[in-house]
């Protein structure tokens, strides 16, 4: 038996909580007081705990939302850019995601299935973009999506700042 869709007001409160939590965690870290999240969302603590009974539930929901947004950006890039540029721009977004969401991802420790689902979503998104760029003849045919994501992750974690990450990324021979 599947869960029922939320009422409109409940969905609005959930969305407000996710947006507020993303901002609070980005500003103050994943250990920020949950009262701050409820206050920023403009809802009471009881409403927050009804939607997210534990900090871990809230962290997982926020990160899942971040991954969904990252993957959804691929569709807008596909519709506005040639395949190689869509791939490159999404990989830059992926790089930004790794550097800015790392603490959030590491804070979600309760469920390895969730991590696997998120990795699969990002891998599938990157794979689709890479395949389109290959079909267009815009990137090397021997590029492997797992190698590409590992490379971007390595750059993201090794670079001291965004300009250095961009310089390192520019060294990659895509064609």
C-alpha atoms as a PDB file:
ATOM      1  CA  UNK A   1       0.000   0.000   0.000  1.00  0.00           C
ATOM      2  CA  UNK A   2       1.593   3.298  -1.127  1.00  0.00           C
ATOM      3  CA  UNK A   3       1.580   6.481   0.875  1.00  0.00           C
ATOM      4  CA  UNK A   4      -1.054   9.077   0.161  1.00  0.00           C
ATOM      5  CA  UNK A   5      -0.020  12.372  -1.373  1.00  0.00           C
ATOM      6  CA  UNK A   6       0.294  15.198   1.120  1.00  0.00           C
ATOM      7  CA  UNK A   7      -2.409  17.822   1.415  1.00  0.00           C
ATOM      8  CA  UNK A   8      -1.446  21.096  -0.259  1.00  0.00           C
ATOM      9  CA  UNK A   9      -0.720  22.853   3.040  1.00  0.00           C
ATOM     10  CA  UNK A  10       1.317  19.912   4.324  1.00  0.00           C
ATOM     11  CA  UNK A  11       3.320  19.807   1.078  1.00  0.00           C
ATOM     12  CA  UNK A  12       3.913  23.552   1.300  1.00  0.00           C
ATOM     13  CA  UNK A  13       5.176  23.174   4.897  1.00  0.00           C
ATOM     14  CA  UNK A  14       7.437  20.294   3.884  1.00  0.00           C
ATOM     15  CA  UNK A  15       8.856  22.344   1.013  1.00  0.00           C
ATOM     16  CA  UNK A  16       9.399  25.338   3.313  1.00  0.00           C
ATOM     17  CA  UNK A  17      11.190  23.109   5.821  1.00  0.00           C
ATOM     18  CA  UNK A  18      13.471  21.607   3.161  1.00  0.00           C
ATOM     19  CA  UNK A  19      14.395  25.021   1.774  1.00  0.00           C
ATOM     20  CA  UNK A  20      14.989  26.439   5.251  1.00  0.00           C
ATOM     21  CA  UNK A  21      17.040  23.411   6.316  1.00  0.00           C
ATOM     22  CA  UNK A  22      19.209  23.653   3.200  1.00  0.00           C
ATOM     23  CA  UNK A  23      19.962  27.301   3.985  1.00  0.00           C
ATOM     24  CA  UNK A  24      20.528  26.751   7.711  1.00  0.00           C
ATOM     25  CA  UNK A  25      22.792  23.731   7.159  1.00  0.00           C
ATOM     26  CA  UNK A  26      24.758  25.615   4.482  1.00  0.00           C
ATOM     27  CA  UNK A  27      25.224  28.601   6.791  1.00  0.00           C
ATOM     28  CA  UNK A  28      25.739  26.900  10.151  1.00  0.00           C
ATOM     29  CA  UNK A  29      26.599  23.278   9.438  1.00  0.00           C
ATOM     30  CA  UNK A  30      24.639  20.076   9.810  1.00  0.00           C
ATOM     31  CA  UNK A  31      24.604  20.327  13.611  1.00  0.00           C
ATOM     32  CA  UNK A  32      22.702  23.625  13.559  1.00  0.00           C
ATOM     33  CA  UNK A  33      19.752  23.716  15.961  1.00  0.00           C
ATOM     34  CA  UNK A  34      16.619  22.309  14.388  1.00  0.00           C
ATOM     35  CA  UNK A  35      14.635  25.074  16.087  1.00  0.00           C
ATOM     36  CA  UNK A  36      16.401  27.451  13.687  1.00  0.00           C
ATOM     37  CA  UNK A  37      15.130  25.406  10.747  1.00  0.00           C
ATOM     38  CA  UNK A  38      11.517  25.533  11.956  1.00  0.00           C
ATOM     39  CA  UNK A  39      11.777  29.244  12.718  1.00  0.00           C
ATOM     40  CA  UNK A  40      13.308  30.012   9.314  1.00  0.00           C
ATOM     41  CA  UNK A  41      10.553  27.984   7.610  1.00  0.00           C
ATOM     42  CA  UNK A  42       7.889  29.861   9.567  1.00  0.00           C
ATOM     43  CA  UNK A  43       6.401  26.705  11.083  1.00  0.00           C
ATOM     44  CA  UNK A  44       6.267  25.273  14.569  1.00  0.00           C
ATOM     45  CA  UNK A  45       8.566  22.563  15.871  1.00  0.00           C
ATOM     46  CA  UNK A  46       5.663  20.103  15.961  1.00  0.00           C
ATOM     47  CA  UNK A  47       5.119  20.590  12.232  1.00  0.00           C
ATOM     48  CA  UNK A  48       8.793  20.013  11.565  1.00  0.00           C
ATOM     49  CA  UNK A  49       8.912  16.827  13.644  1.00  0.00           C
ATOM     50  CA  UNK A  50       5.710  15.559  12.028  1.00  0.00           C
ATOM     51  CA  UNK A  51       7.468  15.717   8.656  1.00  0.00           C
ATOM     52  CA  UNK A  52      10.974  14.832   9.859  1.00  0.00           C
ATOM     53  CA  UNK A  53      10.953  12.923  13.168  1.00  0.00           C
ATOM     54  CA  UNK A  54      14.764  12.941  13.456  1.00  0.00           C
ATOM     55  CA  UNK A  55      17.691  15.105  12.382  1.00  0.00           C
ATOM     56  CA  UNK A  56      18.807  12.212  10.207  1.00  0.00           C
ATOM     57  CA  UNK A  57      15.441  12.189   8.409  1.00  0.00           C
ATOM     58  CA  UNK A  58      15.757  15.905   7.701  1.00  0.00           C
ATOM     59  CA  UNK A  59      19.374  15.637   6.558  1.00  0.00           C
ATOM     60  CA  UNK A  60      18.508  12.773   4.210  1.00  0.00           C
ATOM     61  CA  UNK A  61      15.547  14.667   2.756  1.00  0.00           C
ATOM     62  CA  UNK A  62      17.613  17.821   2.207  1.00  0.00           C
ATOM     63  CA  UNK A  63      20.410  15.903   0.506  1.00  0.00           C
ATOM     64  CA  UNK A  64      17.937  13.911  -1.609  1.00  0.00           C
ATOM     65  CA  UNK A  65      16.432  17.219  -2.736  1.00  0.00           C
ATOM     66  CA  UNK A  66      19.902  18.574  -3.587  1.00  0.00           C
ATOM     67  CA  UNK A  67      20.692  15.474  -5.672  1.00  0.00           C
ATOM     68  CA  UNK A  68      17.318  15.690  -7.450  1.00  0.00           C
ATOM     69  CA  UNK A  69      17.961  19.349  -8.300  1.00  0.00           C
ATOM     70  CA  UNK A  70      21.441  18.545  -9.609  1.00  0.00           C
ATOM     71  CA  UNK A  71      20.132  15.753 -11.807  1.00  0.00           C
ATOM     72  CA  UNK A  72      17.199  17.856 -13.039  1.00  0.00           C
ATOM     73  CA  UNK A  73      19.610  20.539 -14.215  1.00  0.00           C
ATOM     74  CA  UNK A  74      20.783  18.108 -16.892  1.00  0.00           C
ATOM     75  CA  UNK A  75      17.416  18.396 -18.637  1.00  0.00           C
ATOM     76  CA  UNK A  76      17.583  22.179 -18.813  1.00  0.00           C
ATOM     77  CA  UNK A  77      21.181  22.016 -20.049  1.00  0.00           C
ATOM     78  CA  UNK A  78      20.180  19.509 -22.741  1.00  0.00           C
ATOM     79  CA  UNK A  79      17.484  21.828 -24.006  1.00  0.00           C
ATOM     80  CA  UNK A  80      19.685  24.928 -24.175  1.00  0.00           C
ATOM     81  CA  UNK A  81      23.208  23.766 -25.028  1.00  0.00           C
ATOM     82  CA  UNK A  82      25.017  21.489 -27.454  1.00  0.00           C
ATOM     83  CA  UNK A  83      25.823  18.050 -25.981  1.00  0.00           C
ATOM     84  CA  UNK A  84      29.482  18.708 -25.074  1.00  0.00           C
ATOM     85  CA  UNK A  85      28.690  21.995 -23.364  1.00  0.00           C
ATOM     86  CA  UNK A  86      25.760  20.439 -21.523  1.00  0.00           C
ATOM     87  CA  UNK A  87      28.099  17.711 -20.251  1.00  0.00           C
ATOM     88  CA  UNK A  88      30.845  20.154 -19.251  1.00  0.00           C
ATOM     89  CA  UNK A  89      28.429  22.520 -17.525  1.00  0.00           C
ATOM     90  CA  UNK A  90      26.779  19.658 -15.628  1.00  0.00           C
ATOM     91  CA  UNK A  91      30.187  18.356 -14.543  1.00  0.00           C
ATOM     92  CA  UNK A  92      30.954  21.835 -13.175  1.00  0.00           C
ATOM     93  CA  UNK A  93      27.655  21.715 -11.275  1.00  0.00           C
ATOM     94  CA  UNK A  94      28.645  18.256 -10.015  1.00  0.00           C
ATOM     95  CA  UNK A  95      31.988  19.678  -8.906  1.00  0.00           C
ATOM     96  CA  UNK A  96      30.210  22.483  -7.037  1.00  0.00           C
ATOM     97  CA  UNK A  97      27.841  19.936  -5.507  1.00  0.00           C
ATOM     98  CA  UNK A  98      30.721  17.881  -4.158  1.00  0.00           C
ATOM     99  CA  UNK A  99      32.474  20.852  -2.594  1.00  0.00           C
ATOM    100  CA  UNK A 100      29.392  22.547  -1.148  1.00  0.00           C
ATOM    101  CA  UNK A 101      27.336  19.495  -0.098  1.00  0.00           C
ATOM    102  CA  UNK A 102      30.094  17.239   1.212  1.00  0.00           C
ATOM    103  CA  UNK A 103      29.335  17.779   4.908  1.00  0.00           C
ATOM    104  CA  UNK A 104      25.640  17.242   4.275  1.00  0.00           C
ATOM    105  CA  UNK A 105      26.263  13.969   2.429  1.00  0.00           C
ATOM    106  CA  UNK A 106      28.624  12.749   5.144  1.00  0.00           C
ATOM    107  CA  UNK A 107      26.065  13.594   7.831  1.00  0.00           C
ATOM    108  CA  UNK A 108      23.591  11.127   6.319  1.00  0.00           C
ATOM    109  CA  UNK A 109      25.033   7.925   7.723  1.00  0.00           C
ATOM    110  CA  UNK A 110      21.957   5.871   8.565  1.00  0.00           C
ATOM    111  CA  UNK A 111      21.132   4.376   5.203  1.00  0.00           C
ATOM    112  CA  UNK A 112      23.645   3.075   2.679  1.00  0.00           C
ATOM    113  CA  UNK A 113      20.726   2.336   0.329  1.00  0.00           C
ATOM    114  CA  UNK A 114      20.056   6.068   0.101  1.00  0.00           C
ATOM    115  CA  UNK A 115      23.693   6.754  -0.759  1.00  0.00           C
ATOM    116  CA  UNK A 116      23.570   4.071  -3.447  1.00  0.00           C
ATOM    117  CA  UNK A 117      20.369   5.564  -4.897  1.00  0.00           C
ATOM    118  CA  UNK A 118      21.891   9.054  -4.973  1.00  0.00           C
ATOM    119  CA  UNK A 119      25.085   7.826  -6.612  1.00  0.00           C
ATOM    120  CA  UNK A 120      23.066   5.876  -9.162  1.00  0.00           C
ATOM    121  CA  UNK A 121      21.011   8.991 -10.003  1.00  0.00           C
ATOM    122  CA  UNK A 122      24.125  11.081 -10.554  1.00  0.00           C
ATOM    123  CA  UNK A 123      25.824   8.296 -12.508  1.00  0.00           C
ATOM    124  CA  UNK A 124      22.760   7.840 -14.744  1.00  0.00           C
ATOM    125  CA  UNK A 125      22.539  11.579 -15.349  1.00  0.00           C
ATOM    126  CA  UNK A 126      26.220  11.891 -16.236  1.00  0.00           C
ATOM    127  CA  UNK A 127      26.055   8.773 -18.384  1.00  0.00           C
ATOM    128  CA  UNK A 128      23.167  10.169 -20.425  1.00  0.00           C
ATOM    129  CA  UNK A 129      24.987  13.447 -20.989  1.00  0.00           C
ATOM    130  CA  UNK A 130      28.225  11.670 -21.897  1.00  0.00           C
ATOM    131  CA  UNK A 131      26.453   9.335 -24.340  1.00  0.00           C
ATOM    132  CA  UNK A 132      24.832  12.309 -26.077  1.00  0.00           C
ATOM    133  CA  UNK A 133      28.185  14.088 -26.357  1.00  0.00           C
ATOM    134  CA  UNK A 134      29.760  10.912 -27.776  1.00  0.00           C
ATOM    135  CA  UNK A 135      26.971  10.509 -30.346  1.00  0.00           C
ATOM    136  CA  UNK A 136      27.558  14.109 -31.399  1.00  0.00           C
ATOM    137  CA  UNK A 137      31.262  13.351 -31.833  1.00  0.00           C
ATOM    138  CA  UNK A 138      32.042  16.148 -29.384  1.00  0.00           C
ATOM    139  CA  UNK A 139      34.073  14.121 -26.864  1.00  0.00           C
ATOM    140  CA  UNK A 140      36.460  11.206 -27.025  1.00  0.00           C
ATOM    141  CA  UNK A 141      34.730   7.878 -27.587  1.00  0.00           C
ATOM    142  CA  UNK A 142      36.845   6.171 -24.929  1.00  0.00           C
ATOM    143  CA  UNK A 143      35.647   8.385 -22.060  1.00  0.00           C
ATOM    144  CA  UNK A 144      34.141   6.299 -19.268  1.00  0.00           C
ATOM    145  CA  UNK A 145      31.481   7.897 -17.087  1.00  0.00           C
ATOM    146  CA  UNK A 146      32.792   6.375 -13.845  1.00  0.00           C
ATOM    147  CA  UNK A 147      36.321   7.580 -14.613  1.00  0.00           C
ATOM    148  CA  UNK A 148      34.971  11.012 -15.464  1.00  0.00           C
ATOM    149  CA  UNK A 149      33.022  11.325 -12.206  1.00  0.00           C
ATOM    150  CA  UNK A 150      35.990  10.036 -10.207  1.00  0.00           C
ATOM    151  CA  UNK A 151      38.203  12.630 -11.891  1.00  0.00           C
ATOM    152  CA  UNK A 152      35.750  15.434 -11.089  1.00  0.00           C
ATOM    153  CA  UNK A 153      35.460  14.217  -7.499  1.00  0.00           C
ATOM    154  CA  UNK A 154      39.259  14.144  -7.191  1.00  0.00           C
ATOM    155  CA  UNK A 155      39.566  17.671  -8.537  1.00  0.00           C
ATOM    156  CA  UNK A 156      36.799  18.860  -6.221  1.00  0.00           C
ATOM    157  CA  UNK A 157      38.398  17.404  -3.131  1.00  0.00           C
ATOM    158  CA  UNK A 158      41.983  18.352  -4.000  1.00  0.00           C
ATOM    159  CA  UNK A 159      41.509  21.920  -5.182  1.00  0.00           C
ATOM    160  CA  UNK A 160      42.046  24.661  -2.635  1.00  0.00           C
ATOM    161  CA  UNK A 161      39.471  26.972  -4.223  1.00  0.00           C
ATOM    162  CA  UNK A 162      37.094  27.344  -7.184  1.00  0.00           C
ATOM    163  CA  UNK A 163      39.658  28.998  -9.518  1.00  0.00           C
ATOM    164  CA  UNK A 164      42.118  26.153  -8.979  1.00  0.00           C
ATOM    165  CA  UNK A 165      39.364  23.584  -9.572  1.00  0.00           C
ATOM    166  CA  UNK A 166      38.500  25.337 -12.857  1.00  0.00           C
ATOM    167  CA  UNK A 167      42.188  25.353 -13.898  1.00  0.00           C
ATOM    168  CA  UNK A 168      42.513  21.647 -13.115  1.00  0.00           C
ATOM    169  CA  UNK A 169      39.330  20.880 -14.997  1.00  0.00           C
ATOM    170  CA  UNK A 170      40.626  22.801 -18.028  1.00  0.00           C
ATOM    171  CA  UNK A 171      43.607  20.392 -18.197  1.00  0.00           C
ATOM    172  CA  UNK A 172      41.319  17.487 -19.031  1.00  0.00           C
ATOM    173  CA  UNK A 173      41.458  16.486 -22.691  1.00  0.00           C
ATOM    174  CA  UNK A 174      37.813  15.851 -23.620  1.00  0.00           C
ATOM    175  CA  UNK A 175      38.227  15.608 -27.393  1.00  0.00           C
END
